[in-house]
């Protein structure tokens, strides 16, 4: 029970962080929507992800585990279907430059927006889990 509650809090917090980081992530409804989104994400990662991992095991083996990001993207897309208050829309990354390294301005369509947000969702949840373990 404690780990389920912790996952709900992690996913709700990660949805909030994603809505602050990306202009394409729109979550309307306030705190109840974040909590409900965290509950739905926890349930999907608890039930849907193992099923998708088994189905996608050959692709995951061939790609040496890289396909697991696509499983997270699929789950995030399912969240936008099940919770209509959570929307991921196309957006423009304005670019970034630091110490001579330049990331140019990129316009992301719907698929790539969900893909980028899914990767950042994984990074944020992994970081929060790492913080709690320490």
N, C-alpha and C. Protein backbone atom coordinates (compact mmCIF):
# COMPACT_ATOMS: atom_id res chain seq x y z
N UNK A 1 0.83 -1.20 0.00
CA UNK A 1 0.00 0.00 0.00
C UNK A 1 0.87 1.26 0.00
N UNK A 2 1.97 1.18 0.75
CA UNK A 2 2.86 2.33 0.85
C UNK A 2 3.52 2.63 -0.51
N UNK A 3 3.91 1.59 -1.23
CA UNK A 3 4.55 1.80 -2.53
C UNK A 3 3.55 2.31 -3.57
N UNK A 4 2.30 1.87 -3.49
CA UNK A 4 1.28 2.36 -4.42
C UNK A 4 1.03 3.84 -4.18
N UNK A 5 0.92 4.24 -2.93
CA UNK A 5 0.72 5.66 -2.61
C UNK A 5 1.92 6.50 -3.04
N UNK A 6 3.12 5.95 -2.85
CA UNK A 6 4.33 6.65 -3.28
C UNK A 6 4.34 6.82 -4.80
N UNK A 7 3.94 5.78 -5.55
CA UNK A 7 3.89 5.88 -7.00
C UNK A 7 2.87 6.91 -7.46
N UNK A 8 1.71 6.95 -6.79
CA UNK A 8 0.70 7.93 -7.14
C UNK A 8 1.24 9.34 -6.95
N UNK A 9 1.93 9.57 -5.84
CA UNK A 9 2.51 10.89 -5.57
C UNK A 9 3.59 11.21 -6.60
N UNK A 10 4.44 10.24 -6.93
CA UNK A 10 5.50 10.46 -7.93
C UNK A 10 4.91 10.82 -9.28
N UNK A 11 3.91 10.09 -9.73
CA UNK A 11 3.33 10.35 -11.04
C UNK A 11 2.56 11.67 -11.06
N UNK A 12 1.87 11.98 -9.97
CA UNK A 12 1.16 13.27 -9.91
C UNK A 12 2.17 14.42 -9.93
N UNK A 13 3.25 14.29 -9.18
CA UNK A 13 4.28 15.33 -9.16
C UNK A 13 4.98 15.44 -10.52
N UNK A 14 5.22 14.30 -11.16
CA UNK A 14 5.86 14.34 -12.47
C UNK A 14 4.95 14.97 -13.52
N UNK A 15 3.64 14.74 -13.42
CA UNK A 15 2.71 15.42 -14.34
C UNK A 15 2.75 16.93 -14.14
N UNK A 16 2.85 17.36 -12.88
CA UNK A 16 2.97 18.80 -12.62
C UNK A 16 4.26 19.36 -13.21
N UNK A 17 5.37 18.67 -13.01
CA UNK A 17 6.66 19.15 -13.53
C UNK A 17 6.62 19.19 -15.06
N UNK A 18 6.04 18.17 -15.68
CA UNK A 18 5.95 18.15 -17.14
C UNK A 18 5.10 19.30 -17.66
N UNK A 19 4.02 19.62 -16.95
CA UNK A 19 3.19 20.74 -17.40
C UNK A 19 3.92 22.07 -17.25
N UNK A 20 4.88 22.15 -16.35
CA UNK A 20 5.67 23.36 -16.19
C UNK A 20 6.82 23.44 -17.19
N UNK A 21 7.38 22.28 -17.57
CA UNK A 21 8.52 22.25 -18.48
C UNK A 21 8.13 22.46 -19.93
N UNK A 22 7.04 21.84 -20.36
CA UNK A 22 6.68 21.83 -21.77
C UNK A 22 5.39 22.61 -22.00
N UNK A 23 5.41 23.46 -23.01
CA UNK A 23 4.22 24.24 -23.33
C UNK A 23 3.13 23.38 -23.96
N UNK A 24 3.49 22.23 -24.49
CA UNK A 24 2.52 21.36 -25.14
C UNK A 24 1.75 20.48 -24.18
N UNK A 25 2.15 20.42 -22.92
CA UNK A 25 1.44 19.60 -21.93
C UNK A 25 0.44 20.50 -21.21
N UNK A 26 -0.83 20.26 -21.47
CA UNK A 26 -1.91 21.06 -20.87
C UNK A 26 -2.71 20.17 -19.93
N UNK A 27 -2.75 20.54 -18.66
CA UNK A 27 -3.52 19.81 -17.67
C UNK A 27 -4.48 20.81 -17.03
N UNK A 28 -5.76 20.60 -17.30
CA UNK A 28 -6.78 21.51 -16.75
C UNK A 28 -7.51 20.82 -15.61
N UNK A 29 -7.85 21.56 -14.60
CA UNK A 29 -8.60 20.99 -13.48
C UNK A 29 -7.88 21.09 -12.16
N UNK A 30 -6.62 21.47 -12.17
CA UNK A 30 -5.91 21.68 -10.92
C UNK A 30 -5.46 20.41 -10.23
N UNK A 31 -5.36 20.49 -8.91
CA UNK A 31 -4.83 19.40 -8.09
C UNK A 31 -5.60 18.08 -8.24
N UNK A 32 -6.94 18.09 -8.29
CA UNK A 32 -7.64 16.81 -8.47
C UNK A 32 -7.27 16.10 -9.77
N UNK A 33 -7.01 16.85 -10.82
CA UNK A 33 -6.62 16.23 -12.08
C UNK A 33 -5.22 15.63 -11.98
N UNK A 34 -4.30 16.31 -11.30
CA UNK A 34 -2.96 15.75 -11.11
C UNK A 34 -3.03 14.45 -10.31
N UNK A 35 -3.82 14.44 -9.25
CA UNK A 35 -3.94 13.23 -8.42
C UNK A 35 -4.61 12.11 -9.22
N UNK A 36 -5.69 12.44 -9.94
CA UNK A 36 -6.37 11.42 -10.73
C UNK A 36 -5.46 10.90 -11.84
N UNK A 37 -4.70 11.79 -12.47
CA UNK A 37 -3.72 11.37 -13.47
C UNK A 37 -2.65 10.48 -12.87
N UNK A 38 -2.21 10.79 -11.64
CA UNK A 38 -1.23 9.95 -10.96
C UNK A 38 -1.80 8.57 -10.65
N UNK A 39 -3.08 8.52 -10.25
CA UNK A 39 -3.72 7.23 -9.98
C UNK A 39 -3.82 6.41 -11.25
N UNK A 40 -4.25 7.04 -12.34
CA UNK A 40 -4.40 6.32 -13.61
C UNK A 40 -3.04 5.85 -14.12
N UNK A 41 -2.02 6.70 -14.03
CA UNK A 41 -0.68 6.28 -14.45
C UNK A 41 -0.16 5.13 -13.59
N UNK A 42 -0.40 5.18 -12.28
CA UNK A 42 0.05 4.10 -11.41
C UNK A 42 -0.63 2.79 -11.78
N UNK A 43 -1.92 2.84 -12.04
CA UNK A 43 -2.65 1.63 -12.42
C UNK A 43 -2.14 1.10 -13.76
N UNK A 44 -1.92 2.00 -14.70
CA UNK A 44 -1.44 1.54 -16.01
C UNK A 44 -0.03 0.98 -15.95
N UNK A 45 0.84 1.60 -15.16
CA UNK A 45 2.18 1.06 -15.02
C UNK A 45 2.17 -0.25 -14.24
N UNK A 46 1.17 -0.45 -13.39
CA UNK A 46 1.06 -1.68 -12.62
C UNK A 46 0.46 -2.81 -13.44
N UNK A 47 -0.50 -2.51 -14.31
CA UNK A 47 -1.22 -3.55 -15.04
C UNK A 47 -0.82 -3.62 -16.51
N UNK A 48 -0.81 -2.48 -17.20
CA UNK A 48 -0.60 -2.47 -18.65
C UNK A 48 0.86 -2.68 -19.02
N UNK A 49 1.78 -2.08 -18.27
CA UNK A 49 3.19 -2.15 -18.64
C UNK A 49 3.74 -3.59 -18.64
N UNK A 50 3.43 -4.43 -17.64
CA UNK A 50 3.93 -5.81 -17.73
C UNK A 50 3.39 -6.57 -18.94
N UNK A 51 2.14 -6.32 -19.29
CA UNK A 51 1.56 -6.98 -20.47
C UNK A 51 2.27 -6.51 -21.73
N UNK A 52 2.48 -5.20 -21.86
CA UNK A 52 3.19 -4.68 -23.02
C UNK A 52 4.64 -5.14 -23.06
N UNK A 53 5.27 -5.28 -21.91
CA UNK A 53 6.65 -5.79 -21.87
C UNK A 53 6.73 -7.22 -22.39
N UNK A 54 5.75 -8.04 -22.03
CA UNK A 54 5.75 -9.43 -22.51
C UNK A 54 5.50 -9.48 -24.01
N UNK A 55 4.54 -8.68 -24.48
CA UNK A 55 4.23 -8.67 -25.90
C UNK A 55 5.41 -8.13 -26.71
N UNK A 56 6.08 -7.13 -26.20
CA UNK A 56 7.17 -6.48 -26.93
C UNK A 56 8.55 -7.05 -26.59
N UNK A 57 8.60 -8.17 -25.90
CA UNK A 57 9.90 -8.72 -25.50
C UNK A 57 10.83 -8.99 -26.68
N UNK A 58 10.36 -9.56 -27.80
CA UNK A 58 11.30 -9.75 -28.92
C UNK A 58 11.88 -8.43 -29.44
N UNK A 59 11.06 -7.40 -29.55
CA UNK A 59 11.57 -6.10 -29.99
C UNK A 59 12.52 -5.50 -28.96
N UNK A 60 12.22 -5.71 -27.70
CA UNK A 60 13.07 -5.18 -26.64
C UNK A 60 14.43 -5.88 -26.64
N UNK A 61 14.44 -7.17 -26.95
CA UNK A 61 15.71 -7.90 -27.01
C UNK A 61 16.53 -7.45 -28.20
N UNK A 62 15.88 -7.28 -29.35
CA UNK A 62 16.59 -6.88 -30.56
C UNK A 62 17.16 -5.47 -30.42
N UNK A 63 16.42 -4.57 -29.78
CA UNK A 63 16.88 -3.19 -29.64
C UNK A 63 17.66 -2.96 -28.35
N UNK A 64 17.97 -4.03 -27.64
CA UNK A 64 18.74 -3.97 -26.39
C UNK A 64 18.09 -3.06 -25.34
N UNK A 65 16.78 -3.12 -25.24
CA UNK A 65 16.05 -2.40 -24.21
C UNK A 65 15.58 -1.02 -24.58
N UNK A 66 15.94 -0.55 -25.77
CA UNK A 66 15.54 0.79 -26.18
C UNK A 66 14.04 0.90 -26.41
N UNK A 67 13.41 -0.20 -26.79
CA UNK A 67 11.98 -0.19 -27.08
C UNK A 67 11.14 0.08 -25.83
N UNK A 68 11.73 -0.07 -24.65
CA UNK A 68 10.97 0.19 -23.43
C UNK A 68 10.53 1.65 -23.33
N UNK A 69 11.27 2.57 -23.98
CA UNK A 69 10.82 3.96 -24.03
C UNK A 69 9.49 4.07 -24.78
N UNK A 70 9.34 3.28 -25.85
CA UNK A 70 8.09 3.31 -26.60
C UNK A 70 6.93 2.78 -25.77
N UNK A 71 7.20 1.86 -24.88
CA UNK A 71 6.15 1.36 -24.00
C UNK A 71 5.69 2.47 -23.06
N UNK A 72 6.62 3.25 -22.55
CA UNK A 72 6.25 4.39 -21.71
C UNK A 72 5.47 5.43 -22.51
N UNK A 73 5.83 5.62 -23.77
CA UNK A 73 5.11 6.57 -24.62
C UNK A 73 3.69 6.08 -24.87
N UNK A 74 3.53 4.79 -25.10
CA UNK A 74 2.20 4.21 -25.30
C UNK A 74 1.34 4.42 -24.05
N UNK A 75 1.92 4.20 -22.89
CA UNK A 75 1.17 4.39 -21.65
C UNK A 75 0.80 5.86 -21.45
N UNK A 76 1.69 6.76 -21.79
CA UNK A 76 1.39 8.18 -21.67
C UNK A 76 0.29 8.58 -22.65
N UNK A 77 0.32 8.03 -23.86
CA UNK A 77 -0.74 8.31 -24.82
C UNK A 77 -2.08 7.76 -24.33
N UNK A 78 -2.07 6.58 -23.73
CA UNK A 78 -3.30 6.02 -23.15
C UNK A 78 -3.83 6.92 -22.02
N UNK A 79 -2.93 7.55 -21.27
CA UNK A 79 -3.36 8.49 -20.23
C UNK A 79 -4.14 9.65 -20.84
N UNK A 80 -3.66 10.16 -21.97
CA UNK A 80 -4.37 11.28 -22.60
C UNK A 80 -5.73 10.85 -23.12
N UNK A 81 -5.91 9.57 -23.40
CA UNK A 81 -7.21 9.07 -23.84
C UNK A 81 -8.14 8.87 -22.64
N UNK A 82 -7.64 8.28 -21.57
CA UNK A 82 -8.48 7.97 -20.41
C UNK A 82 -8.79 9.18 -19.54
N UNK A 83 -7.89 10.13 -19.49
CA UNK A 83 -8.09 11.35 -18.70
C UNK A 83 -8.14 12.53 -19.67
N UNK A 84 -9.34 12.97 -20.07
CA UNK A 84 -9.43 14.02 -21.09
C UNK A 84 -8.90 15.38 -20.63
N UNK A 85 -8.68 15.57 -19.35
CA UNK A 85 -8.13 16.84 -18.86
C UNK A 85 -6.63 16.94 -19.10
N UNK A 86 -5.99 15.83 -19.45
CA UNK A 86 -4.56 15.82 -19.75
C UNK A 86 -4.40 15.76 -21.26
N UNK A 87 -3.74 16.76 -21.82
CA UNK A 87 -3.55 16.84 -23.26
C UNK A 87 -2.08 17.10 -23.56
N UNK A 88 -1.59 16.41 -24.57
CA UNK A 88 -0.24 16.66 -25.06
C UNK A 88 -0.38 17.09 -26.50
N UNK A 89 0.00 18.33 -26.76
CA UNK A 89 -0.17 18.91 -28.08
C UNK A 89 1.20 19.20 -28.70
N UNK A 90 1.24 19.36 -30.02
CA UNK A 90 2.51 19.73 -30.65
C UNK A 90 3.04 21.05 -30.10
N UNK A 91 4.35 21.15 -29.99
CA UNK A 91 4.95 22.38 -29.48
C UNK A 91 6.29 22.61 -30.14
N UNK A 92 6.84 23.80 -29.92
CA UNK A 92 8.12 24.18 -30.51
C UNK A 92 9.15 24.30 -29.39
N UNK A 93 10.24 23.56 -29.51
CA UNK A 93 11.37 23.71 -28.60
C UNK A 93 12.21 24.87 -29.11
N UNK A 94 12.39 25.88 -28.30
CA UNK A 94 13.02 27.12 -28.74
C UNK A 94 14.52 27.02 -28.98
N UNK A 95 15.12 25.94 -28.58
CA UNK A 95 16.56 25.78 -28.76
C UNK A 95 17.32 26.13 -27.49
N UNK A 96 18.60 25.78 -27.49
CA UNK A 96 19.42 25.99 -26.30
C UNK A 96 20.87 26.08 -26.73
N UNK A 97 21.64 26.89 -26.06
CA UNK A 97 23.05 27.02 -26.36
C UNK A 97 23.83 27.17 -25.06
N UNK A 98 24.86 26.33 -24.90
CA UNK A 98 25.71 26.43 -23.73
C UNK A 98 27.12 25.96 -24.11
N UNK A 99 28.10 26.75 -23.76
CA UNK A 99 29.52 26.43 -23.93
C UNK A 99 29.84 25.98 -25.36
N UNK A 100 29.24 26.64 -26.34
CA UNK A 100 29.54 26.32 -27.73
C UNK A 100 28.69 25.22 -28.33
N UNK A 101 27.94 24.50 -27.50
CA UNK A 101 27.03 23.47 -28.01
C UNK A 101 25.68 24.11 -28.27
N UNK A 102 25.16 23.89 -29.46
CA UNK A 102 23.91 24.52 -29.84
C UNK A 102 22.89 23.45 -30.20
N UNK A 103 21.72 23.52 -29.55
CA UNK A 103 20.59 22.70 -29.93
C UNK A 103 19.62 23.63 -30.66
N UNK A 104 19.38 23.37 -31.94
CA UNK A 104 18.57 24.32 -32.71
C UNK A 104 17.09 24.26 -32.34
N UNK A 105 16.36 25.24 -32.82
CA UNK A 105 14.91 25.30 -32.64
C UNK A 105 14.28 24.13 -33.39
N UNK A 106 13.39 23.40 -32.72
CA UNK A 106 12.76 22.22 -33.31
C UNK A 106 11.27 22.29 -33.08
N UNK A 107 10.52 22.03 -34.14
CA UNK A 107 9.07 21.96 -34.04
C UNK A 107 8.67 20.49 -33.94
N UNK A 108 8.00 20.12 -32.85
CA UNK A 108 7.64 18.73 -32.62
C UNK A 108 6.17 18.51 -32.94
N UNK A 109 5.88 17.49 -33.76
CA UNK A 109 4.49 17.15 -34.03
C UNK A 109 3.93 16.32 -32.88
N UNK A 110 2.70 15.84 -33.03
CA UNK A 110 2.02 15.13 -31.95
C UNK A 110 2.80 13.91 -31.48
N UNK A 111 3.27 13.07 -32.40
CA UNK A 111 3.98 11.85 -32.02
C UNK A 111 5.26 12.17 -31.26
N UNK A 112 6.07 13.06 -31.81
CA UNK A 112 7.34 13.38 -31.16
C UNK A 112 7.15 14.14 -29.86
N UNK A 113 6.07 14.92 -29.76
CA UNK A 113 5.78 15.59 -28.49
C UNK A 113 5.47 14.56 -27.41
N UNK A 114 4.65 13.56 -27.74
CA UNK A 114 4.34 12.51 -26.76
C UNK A 114 5.60 11.71 -26.45
N UNK A 115 6.44 11.47 -27.45
CA UNK A 115 7.68 10.73 -27.24
C UNK A 115 8.62 11.47 -26.30
N UNK A 116 8.83 12.76 -26.53
CA UNK A 116 9.73 13.55 -25.68
C UNK A 116 9.18 13.65 -24.26
N UNK A 117 7.89 13.90 -24.13
CA UNK A 117 7.27 14.01 -22.80
C UNK A 117 7.35 12.65 -22.08
N UNK A 118 7.17 11.55 -22.81
CA UNK A 118 7.28 10.22 -22.21
C UNK A 118 8.68 9.93 -21.68
N UNK A 119 9.69 10.35 -22.43
CA UNK A 119 11.07 10.17 -21.96
C UNK A 119 11.31 11.00 -20.71
N UNK A 120 10.84 12.24 -20.70
CA UNK A 120 11.03 13.07 -19.52
C UNK A 120 10.22 12.56 -18.33
N UNK A 121 9.06 11.96 -18.58
CA UNK A 121 8.29 11.34 -17.50
C UNK A 121 9.10 10.22 -16.85
N UNK A 122 9.74 9.40 -17.66
CA UNK A 122 10.58 8.32 -17.12
C UNK A 122 11.75 8.88 -16.33
N UNK A 123 12.37 9.93 -16.85
CA UNK A 123 13.52 10.53 -16.16
C UNK A 123 13.11 11.12 -14.82
N UNK A 124 11.98 11.81 -14.79
CA UNK A 124 11.53 12.45 -13.55
C UNK A 124 11.16 11.41 -12.50
N UNK A 125 10.43 10.38 -12.89
CA UNK A 125 10.03 9.34 -11.93
C UNK A 125 11.25 8.57 -11.43
N UNK A 126 12.19 8.29 -12.32
CA UNK A 126 13.43 7.61 -11.90
C UNK A 126 14.21 8.48 -10.94
N UNK A 127 14.29 9.78 -11.20
CA UNK A 127 15.00 10.69 -10.31
C UNK A 127 14.33 10.76 -8.95
N UNK A 128 13.01 10.84 -8.91
CA UNK A 128 12.30 10.87 -7.62
C UNK A 128 12.51 9.58 -6.85
N UNK A 129 12.48 8.46 -7.55
CA UNK A 129 12.74 7.16 -6.88
C UNK A 129 14.16 7.12 -6.32
N UNK A 130 15.10 7.65 -7.09
CA UNK A 130 16.48 7.68 -6.63
C UNK A 130 16.62 8.56 -5.38
N UNK A 131 15.90 9.70 -5.36
CA UNK A 131 15.97 10.58 -4.19
C UNK A 131 15.45 9.91 -2.93
N UNK A 132 14.38 9.14 -3.06
CA UNK A 132 13.78 8.49 -1.90
C UNK A 132 14.67 7.37 -1.38
N UNK A 133 15.38 6.67 -2.29
CA UNK A 133 16.25 5.59 -1.86
C UNK A 133 17.45 6.09 -1.06
N UNK A 134 17.93 7.27 -1.35
CA UNK A 134 19.12 7.80 -0.67
C UNK A 134 18.85 8.20 0.74
